[in-house]
Amino acid sequence: MAETSKTPFARTPVVEWAVPVAAVGLVFVMLVPLPSFLLDILLAASITASVLVLLSAMHVLRPAQFSVFPSLLLLLTLFRLSLNLASSRRILLHGNEGAAAAGHVIQAFGQFVVGGNYVVGFVLFCCADCDPVHRGQPRCSANG
């Protein structure tokens, strides 16, 4: 009798329920205020997933080797949008409690971008908001 090889991602009940549970988790992240340590963990997971997808996309030789890319990109985009909403809520609700009230990942990113100088941060914001790359969809009054 020939023995069939099992793949690591065989159709088990856990694997079949992973995507629906993740979708419910995304809605949960959007609706419920998250504590800063959980937001830090989720932001770190998002950055890690981004790097892994980038490295995987660069490593494949044929598009058929990474056929799950469109679905993965959609789910990761939804994950990032929910984190964007959760982090904005955290900043607006707890921003008056200090620099680390929104989480250490957000604080570190803010220090990296602004560097302690709010004028530099404002100029970077204006450049990102009115970037000429967005000619098809103007985002500020200077372009359209």
Protein backbone atom coordinates (compact mmCIF):
# COMPACT_ATOMS: atom_id res chain seq x y z
CA MET A 1 0.00 0.00 0.00
CA ALA A 2 1.42 3.34 -1.06
CA GLU A 3 1.91 5.84 1.70
CA THR A 4 0.68 9.36 1.04
CA SER A 5 2.87 12.20 2.18
CA LYS A 6 1.20 14.75 4.41
CA THR A 7 1.94 18.38 3.85
CA PRO A 8 2.47 20.58 6.89
CA PHE A 9 -0.71 22.49 6.02
CA ALA A 10 -3.06 19.57 5.48
CA ARG A 11 -6.76 20.35 5.74
CA THR A 12 -7.34 20.03 9.43
CA PRO A 13 -10.12 21.75 11.39
CA VAL A 14 -7.59 24.23 12.79
CA VAL A 15 -6.37 25.26 9.32
CA GLU A 16 -9.91 25.51 7.93
CA TRP A 17 -10.96 27.87 10.73
CA ALA A 18 -7.84 30.06 10.62
CA VAL A 19 -9.06 32.62 8.06
CA PRO A 20 -12.57 33.10 9.56
CA VAL A 21 -11.09 33.47 13.04
CA ALA A 22 -8.57 36.00 11.68
CA ALA A 23 -11.41 37.97 10.05
CA VAL A 24 -13.33 38.09 13.34
CA GLY A 25 -10.09 39.12 15.05
CA LEU A 26 -9.72 42.02 12.60
CA VAL A 27 -13.21 43.25 13.44
CA PHE A 28 -12.41 42.84 17.14
CA VAL A 29 -9.26 44.97 16.74
CA MET A 30 -11.32 47.67 14.98
CA LEU A 31 -14.11 47.80 17.57
CA VAL A 32 -12.44 47.22 20.93
CA PRO A 33 -9.74 49.55 22.31
CA LEU A 34 -6.51 47.60 22.66
CA PRO A 35 -3.97 47.96 25.46
CA SER A 36 -0.63 49.37 24.37
CA PHE A 37 1.35 46.13 24.86
CA LEU A 38 -1.06 44.20 22.62
CA LEU A 39 -0.92 46.95 20.00
CA ASP A 40 2.89 46.78 20.13
CA ILE A 41 2.80 43.02 19.56
CA LEU A 42 0.37 43.33 16.64
CA LEU A 43 2.38 46.15 15.03
CA ALA A 44 5.57 44.09 15.34
CA ALA A 45 3.76 41.11 13.78
CA SER A 46 2.59 43.35 10.92
CA ILE A 47 6.11 44.60 10.23
CA THR A 48 7.47 41.05 10.41
CA ALA A 49 4.80 39.76 8.02
CA SER A 50 5.62 42.59 5.60
CA VAL A 51 9.29 41.69 5.56
CA LEU A 52 8.50 37.99 5.12
CA VAL A 53 6.17 38.65 2.18
CA LEU A 54 8.74 40.95 0.58
CA LEU A 55 11.51 38.38 0.93
CA SER A 56 9.25 35.60 -0.33
CA ALA A 57 8.21 37.63 -3.35
CA MET A 58 11.83 38.37 -4.16
CA HIS A 59 12.83 34.73 -3.76
CA VAL A 60 10.31 33.08 -6.10
CA LEU A 61 11.37 32.36 -9.65
CA ARG A 62 7.91 31.92 -11.18
CA PRO A 63 4.64 33.57 -10.18
CA ALA A 64 3.03 30.15 -9.78
CA GLN A 65 5.31 29.48 -6.82
CA PHE A 66 3.63 32.28 -4.86
CA SER A 67 0.07 31.98 -6.13
CA VAL A 68 -1.38 32.88 -2.72
CA PHE A 69 0.13 36.38 -2.99
CA PRO A 70 -3.08 38.31 -3.93
CA SER A 71 -5.11 36.77 -1.11
CA LEU A 72 -2.26 37.25 1.35
CA LEU A 73 -1.84 40.85 0.27
CA LEU A 74 -5.56 41.50 0.77
CA LEU A 75 -5.58 39.98 4.28
CA LEU A 76 -2.41 41.80 5.32
CA THR A 77 -3.85 45.08 4.02
CA LEU A 78 -7.01 44.54 6.08
CA PHE A 79 -4.81 43.73 9.09
CA ARG A 80 -2.83 46.95 8.63
CA LEU A 81 -5.99 49.02 8.20
CA SER A 82 -7.41 47.64 11.43
CA LEU A 83 -4.10 48.38 13.20
CA ASN A 84 -4.18 51.89 11.75
CA LEU A 85 -7.63 52.42 13.22
CA ALA A 86 -6.64 50.92 16.58
CA SER A 87 -3.44 52.96 16.82
CA SER A 88 -5.25 56.19 15.86
CA ARG A 89 -7.83 55.51 18.55
CA ARG A 90 -5.06 54.80 21.08
CA ILE A 91 -3.20 58.00 20.20
CA LEU A 92 -6.32 60.16 20.36
CA LEU A 93 -7.59 58.67 23.61
CA HIS A 94 -4.29 58.34 25.51
CA GLY A 95 -1.93 60.79 23.80
CA ASN A 96 -2.08 63.19 26.73
CA GLU A 97 -0.61 60.57 29.09
CA GLY A 98 2.90 60.81 27.67
CA ALA A 99 4.96 59.76 24.68
CA ALA A 100 4.75 56.02 25.39
CA ALA A 101 1.01 55.97 26.13
CA ALA A 102 0.20 54.88 22.59
CA GLY A 103 2.80 52.11 22.69
CA HIS A 104 6.55 51.77 22.37
CA VAL A 105 6.47 50.87 18.67
CA ILE A 106 4.56 54.05 17.83
CA GLN A 107 6.87 56.09 20.05
CA ALA A 108 9.99 54.62 18.40
CA PHE A 109 8.61 55.23 14.91
CA GLY A 110 7.71 58.82 15.81
CA GLN A 111 11.20 59.44 17.19
CA PHE A 112 12.72 57.93 14.03
CA VAL A 113 10.62 60.04 11.66
CA VAL A 114 10.49 63.33 13.56
CA GLY A 115 13.82 63.01 15.35
CA GLY A 116 12.79 65.46 18.09
CA ASN A 117 12.15 68.28 15.62
CA TYR A 118 8.50 68.93 14.84
CA VAL A 119 9.33 71.14 11.85
CA VAL A 120 11.03 68.17 10.16
CA GLY A 121 7.98 66.01 10.92
CA PHE A 122 5.64 68.61 9.46
CA VAL A 123 7.72 68.91 6.28
CA LEU A 124 7.81 65.12 5.90
CA PHE A 125 4.04 64.99 6.39
CA CYS A 126 3.49 67.64 3.73
CA CYS A 127 5.82 65.84 1.31
CA ALA A 128 4.04 62.53 1.87
CA ASP A 129 0.60 64.11 1.60
CA CYS A 130 1.24 66.13 -1.57
CA ASP A 131 3.58 63.67 -3.28
CA PRO A 132 3.57 64.01 -7.09
CA VAL A 133 3.32 60.22 -7.42
CA HIS A 134 -0.40 60.55 -6.66
CA ARG A 135 -1.18 62.53 -9.82
CA GLY A 136 -4.04 60.23 -10.74
CA GLN A 137 -5.75 60.85 -7.40
CA PRO A 138 -4.87 64.29 -5.97
CA ARG A 139 -4.79 64.32 -2.18
CA CYS A 140 -4.29 68.00 -1.44
CA SER A 141 -5.39 71.33 -2.85
CA ALA A 142 -1.95 72.13 -4.30
CA ASN A 143 -2.23 69.27 -6.81
CA GLY A 144 -5.82 69.61 -7.86
